[in-house]
Amino acid sequence: MANFDKKFYLVREDILPEAMKKTIEAKEMLERGKVESIGEAVQKVDLSRSAFYKYRDTVFPFSTISKERIVSLFFHLEDRSGTLSKLLSVVADSGCNVLTIHQTIPLQGRANVTLSLNTAHMTNEMDRLLSDLRKLEFVEKVEVLGTGA
């Protein structure tokens, strides 16, 4: 069956069974050319071939799911001069295209910002972008609200 008629869930890595994590790792090794065959990949990650084939079409890193999609991010920011500009600079440096921006009026030194991004030309993985955004001194919170086609 095609994936478009299936539901997808975003779950934290630490709750996945070890076989699923190793399947993702083996798939990444194959995609990056670090191994030449499935047999070599599963051997390197200590996974059975049957487990690999069971999960290979059902588990994906978040960055794979979010490629060529629209991603909406929510931010809770300190209200300082230039914060939105710096935030948008990090987003632009990642290769994302900003589709919409919504910013609330700052209250008690804090503002909420929602960005909708086109990630089709993203140069980094989504996890890396989120990490870079969380490192900004004025960012108190970053959440992925959702993704869409």
C-alpha atoms as a PDB file:
ATOM      1  CA  MET A   1       0.000   0.000   0.000  1.00  0.00           C
ATOM      2  CA  ALA A   2       1.099   3.556  -0.693  1.00  0.00           C
ATOM      3  CA  ASN A   3       2.199   5.658   2.272  1.00  0.00           C
ATOM      4  CA  PHE A   4      -0.180   8.529   1.472  1.00  0.00           C
ATOM      5  CA  ASP A   5      -3.170   6.575   2.766  1.00  0.00           C
ATOM      6  CA  LYS A   6      -1.468   5.767   6.091  1.00  0.00           C
ATOM      7  CA  LYS A   7      -1.329   7.809   9.291  1.00  0.00           C
ATOM      8  CA  PHE A   8       2.058   9.019  10.487  1.00  0.00           C
ATOM      9  CA  TYR A   9       3.071   9.835  14.054  1.00  0.00           C
ATOM     10  CA  LEU A  10       5.977  11.826  15.364  1.00  0.00           C
ATOM     11  CA  VAL A  11       7.559  10.022  18.322  1.00  0.00           C
ATOM     12  CA  ARG A  12      10.705  10.569  20.365  1.00  0.00           C
ATOM     13  CA  GLU A  13      13.601   8.288  19.518  1.00  0.00           C
ATOM     14  CA  ASP A  14      14.021   7.007  23.069  1.00  0.00           C
ATOM     15  CA  ILE A  15      10.684   5.148  22.990  1.00  0.00           C
ATOM     16  CA  LEU A  16      11.359   3.302  19.722  1.00  0.00           C
ATOM     17  CA  PRO A  17      12.323  -0.372  19.893  1.00  0.00           C
ATOM     18  CA  GLU A  18      16.013  -0.999  19.266  1.00  0.00           C
ATOM     19  CA  ALA A  19      15.260  -2.770  15.952  1.00  0.00           C
ATOM     20  CA  MET A  20      13.561   0.343  14.575  1.00  0.00           C
ATOM     21  CA  LYS A  21      16.470   2.588  15.577  1.00  0.00           C
ATOM     22  CA  LYS A  22      18.951   0.194  13.999  1.00  0.00           C
ATOM     23  CA  THR A  23      16.850   0.026  10.819  1.00  0.00           C
ATOM     24  CA  ILE A  24      16.998   3.819  10.498  1.00  0.00           C
ATOM     25  CA  GLU A  25      20.744   3.724  11.107  1.00  0.00           C
ATOM     26  CA  ALA A  26      21.222   1.025   8.441  1.00  0.00           C
ATOM     27  CA  LYS A  27      19.105   2.971   5.928  1.00  0.00           C
ATOM     28  CA  GLU A  28      21.157   6.115   6.545  1.00  0.00           C
ATOM     29  CA  MET A  29      24.400   4.181   5.992  1.00  0.00           C
ATOM     30  CA  LEU A  30      23.043   2.881   2.685  1.00  0.00           C
ATOM     31  CA  GLU A  31      21.852   6.345   1.573  1.00  0.00           C
ATOM     32  CA  ARG A  32      25.199   7.945   2.382  1.00  0.00           C
ATOM     33  CA  GLY A  33      27.175   5.231   0.612  1.00  0.00           C
ATOM     34  CA  LYS A  34      28.992   4.128   3.768  1.00  0.00           C
ATOM     35  CA  VAL A  35      28.080   0.518   2.955  1.00  0.00           C
ATOM     36  CA  GLU A  36      27.464  -1.230  -0.340  1.00  0.00           C
ATOM     37  CA  SER A  37      24.712  -3.675   0.580  1.00  0.00           C
ATOM     38  CA  ILE A  38      21.872  -4.287   2.986  1.00  0.00           C
ATOM     39  CA  GLY A  39      23.770  -7.274   4.336  1.00  0.00           C
ATOM     40  CA  GLU A  40      26.774  -5.101   5.184  1.00  0.00           C
ATOM     41  CA  ALA A  41      24.562  -2.414   6.758  1.00  0.00           C
ATOM     42  CA  VAL A  42      22.648  -4.788   9.025  1.00  0.00           C
ATOM     43  CA  GLN A  43      25.869  -6.483  10.069  1.00  0.00           C
ATOM     44  CA  LYS A  44      27.429  -3.145  11.068  1.00  0.00           C
ATOM     45  CA  VAL A  45      24.430  -2.147  13.198  1.00  0.00           C
ATOM     46  CA  ASP A  46      23.910  -5.683  14.580  1.00  0.00           C
ATOM     47  CA  LEU A  47      20.422  -6.177  13.153  1.00  0.00           C
ATOM     48  CA  SER A  48      18.845  -9.193  11.485  1.00  0.00           C
ATOM     49  CA  ARG A  49      17.930  -8.914   7.810  1.00  0.00           C
ATOM     50  CA  SER A  50      14.354  -9.926   8.610  1.00  0.00           C
ATOM     51  CA  ALA A  51      13.981  -7.050  11.112  1.00  0.00           C
ATOM     52  CA  PHE A  52      15.430  -4.640   8.552  1.00  0.00           C
ATOM     53  CA  TYR A  53      12.944  -5.746   5.897  1.00  0.00           C
ATOM     54  CA  LYS A  54      10.102  -5.620   8.413  1.00  0.00           C
ATOM     55  CA  TYR A  55      10.736  -1.959   9.302  1.00  0.00           C
ATOM     56  CA  ARG A  56      12.526  -0.420   6.307  1.00  0.00           C
ATOM     57  CA  ASP A  57       9.374   0.984   4.680  1.00  0.00           C
ATOM     58  CA  THR A  58       7.732   2.048   7.929  1.00  0.00           C
ATOM     59  CA  VAL A  59      10.287   4.066   9.935  1.00  0.00           C
ATOM     60  CA  PHE A  60      11.873   7.316   8.799  1.00  0.00           C
ATOM     61  CA  PRO A  61      13.904  10.069  10.435  1.00  0.00           C
ATOM     62  CA  PHE A  62      11.898  13.282  10.954  1.00  0.00           C
ATOM     63  CA  SER A  63      14.121  15.074   8.445  1.00  0.00           C
ATOM     64  CA  THR A  64      13.045  12.633   5.704  1.00  0.00           C
ATOM     65  CA  ILE A  65       9.373  13.181   6.404  1.00  0.00           C
ATOM     66  CA  SER A  66       9.747  16.952   6.445  1.00  0.00           C
ATOM     67  CA  LYS A  67      11.664  17.276   3.164  1.00  0.00           C
ATOM     68  CA  GLU A  68       9.703  19.049   0.436  1.00  0.00           C
ATOM     69  CA  ARG A  69       6.965  19.922   2.853  1.00  0.00           C
ATOM     70  CA  ILE A  70       5.648  22.883   4.705  1.00  0.00           C
ATOM     71  CA  VAL A  71       6.621  22.932   8.372  1.00  0.00           C
ATOM     72  CA  SER A  72       5.023  25.220  10.951  1.00  0.00           C
ATOM     73  CA  LEU A  73       7.142  26.199  13.934  1.00  0.00           C
ATOM     74  CA  PHE A  74       6.065  27.979  17.117  1.00  0.00           C
ATOM     75  CA  PHE A  75       8.489  30.151  19.098  1.00  0.00           C
ATOM     76  CA  HIS A  76       8.289  31.794  22.497  1.00  0.00           C
ATOM     77  CA  LEU A  77      10.802  34.669  22.363  1.00  0.00           C
ATOM     78  CA  GLU A  78      12.168  37.335  24.638  1.00  0.00           C
ATOM     79  CA  ASP A  79      11.132  40.772  23.374  1.00  0.00           C
ATOM     80  CA  ARG A  80      14.454  42.321  22.372  1.00  0.00           C
ATOM     81  CA  SER A  81      15.379  44.490  19.426  1.00  0.00           C
ATOM     82  CA  GLY A  82      16.455  42.414  16.415  1.00  0.00           C
ATOM     83  CA  THR A  83      15.297  38.998  17.682  1.00  0.00           C
ATOM     84  CA  LEU A  84      12.966  38.291  14.770  1.00  0.00           C
ATOM     85  CA  SER A  85      15.646  39.366  12.305  1.00  0.00           C
ATOM     86  CA  LYS A  86      18.217  37.030  13.887  1.00  0.00           C
ATOM     87  CA  LEU A  87      15.699  34.180  13.970  1.00  0.00           C
ATOM     88  CA  LEU A  88      14.868  34.664  10.288  1.00  0.00           C
ATOM     89  CA  SER A  89      18.574  34.783   9.447  1.00  0.00           C
ATOM     90  CA  VAL A  90      19.106  31.295  10.941  1.00  0.00           C
ATOM     91  CA  VAL A  91      16.080  30.020   9.007  1.00  0.00           C
ATOM     92  CA  ALA A  92      17.354  31.573   5.757  1.00  0.00           C
ATOM     93  CA  ASP A  93      20.851  30.145   6.301  1.00  0.00           C
ATOM     94  CA  SER A  94      19.291  26.670   6.480  1.00  0.00           C
ATOM     95  CA  GLY A  95      17.819  27.106   2.986  1.00  0.00           C
ATOM     96  CA  CYS A  96      14.194  27.293   4.124  1.00  0.00           C
ATOM     97  CA  ASN A  97      11.787  29.726   2.513  1.00  0.00           C
ATOM     98  CA  VAL A  98       9.509  31.629   4.906  1.00  0.00           C
ATOM     99  CA  LEU A  99       5.902  31.409   3.724  1.00  0.00           C
ATOM    100  CA  THR A 100       4.113  33.129   6.620  1.00  0.00           C
ATOM    101  CA  ILE A 101       5.021  34.933   9.821  1.00  0.00           C
ATOM    102  CA  HIS A 102       2.642  35.627  12.676  1.00  0.00           C
ATOM    103  CA  GLN A 103       3.863  37.529  15.720  1.00  0.00           C
ATOM    104  CA  THR A 104       1.829  38.431  18.779  1.00  0.00           C
ATOM    105  CA  ILE A 105       2.121  41.770  20.526  1.00  0.00           C
ATOM    106  CA  PRO A 106       4.823  41.420  23.200  1.00  0.00           C
ATOM    107  CA  LEU A 107       3.417  41.100  26.702  1.00  0.00           C
ATOM    108  CA  GLN A 108       5.568  41.085  29.829  1.00  0.00           C
ATOM    109  CA  GLY A 109       8.734  41.009  27.718  1.00  0.00           C
ATOM    110  CA  ARG A 110       7.720  37.919  25.714  1.00  0.00           C
ATOM    111  CA  ALA A 111       6.260  37.383  22.239  1.00  0.00           C
ATOM    112  CA  ASN A 112       5.004  34.354  20.343  1.00  0.00           C
ATOM    113  CA  VAL A 113       5.963  33.830  16.714  1.00  0.00           C
ATOM    114  CA  THR A 114       4.645  31.216  14.311  1.00  0.00           C
ATOM    115  CA  LEU A 115       6.551  30.563  11.077  1.00  0.00           C
ATOM    116  CA  SER A 116       5.431  28.443   8.143  1.00  0.00           C
ATOM    117  CA  LEU A 117       8.442  27.264   6.159  1.00  0.00           C
ATOM    118  CA  ASN A 118       8.945  25.577   2.817  1.00  0.00           C
ATOM    119  CA  THR A 119      11.737  23.059   3.461  1.00  0.00           C
ATOM    120  CA  ALA A 120      12.141  21.854  -0.138  1.00  0.00           C
ATOM    121  CA  HIS A 121      15.576  23.478  -0.516  1.00  0.00           C
ATOM    122  CA  MET A 122      16.762  22.958   3.027  1.00  0.00           C
ATOM    123  CA  THR A 123      20.535  22.438   3.243  1.00  0.00           C
ATOM    124  CA  ASN A 124      20.528  20.873   6.747  1.00  0.00           C
ATOM    125  CA  GLU A 125      18.314  18.321   8.423  1.00  0.00           C
ATOM    126  CA  MET A 126      15.309  19.584  10.383  1.00  0.00           C
ATOM    127  CA  ASP A 127      16.827  18.333  13.649  1.00  0.00           C
ATOM    128  CA  ARG A 128      19.874  20.530  13.008  1.00  0.00           C
ATOM    129  CA  LEU A 129      17.731  23.604  12.281  1.00  0.00           C
ATOM    130  CA  LEU A 130      15.717  23.072  15.467  1.00  0.00           C
ATOM    131  CA  SER A 131      18.923  22.689  17.469  1.00  0.00           C
ATOM    132  CA  ASP A 132      20.389  25.886  15.970  1.00  0.00           C
ATOM    133  CA  LEU A 133      17.181  27.793  16.746  1.00  0.00           C
ATOM    134  CA  ARG A 134      17.087  26.540  20.351  1.00  0.00           C
ATOM    135  CA  LYS A 135      20.666  27.758  20.862  1.00  0.00           C
ATOM    136  CA  LEU A 136      19.666  31.380  20.204  1.00  0.00           C
ATOM    137  CA  GLU A 137      19.841  33.238  23.526  1.00  0.00           C
ATOM    138  CA  PHE A 138      16.438  34.908  23.131  1.00  0.00           C
ATOM    139  CA  VAL A 139      14.544  31.724  22.192  1.00  0.00           C
ATOM    140  CA  GLU A 140      12.759  30.240  25.174  1.00  0.00           C
ATOM    141  CA  LYS A 141      10.788  27.577  23.332  1.00  0.00           C
ATOM    142  CA  VAL A 142      10.575  26.026  19.855  1.00  0.00           C
ATOM    143  CA  GLU A 143       7.855  23.562  18.875  1.00  0.00           C
ATOM    144  CA  VAL A 144       6.977  21.862  15.611  1.00  0.00           C
ATOM    145  CA  LEU A 145       3.266  22.537  15.182  1.00  0.00           C
ATOM    146  CA  GLY A 146       2.875  20.356  12.127  1.00  0.00           C
ATOM    147  CA  THR A 147       3.882  19.494   8.607  1.00  0.00           C
ATOM    148  CA  GLY A 148       1.985  19.399   5.367  1.00  0.00           C
ATOM    149  CA  ALA A 149       2.462  18.879   1.666  1.00  0.00           C
END
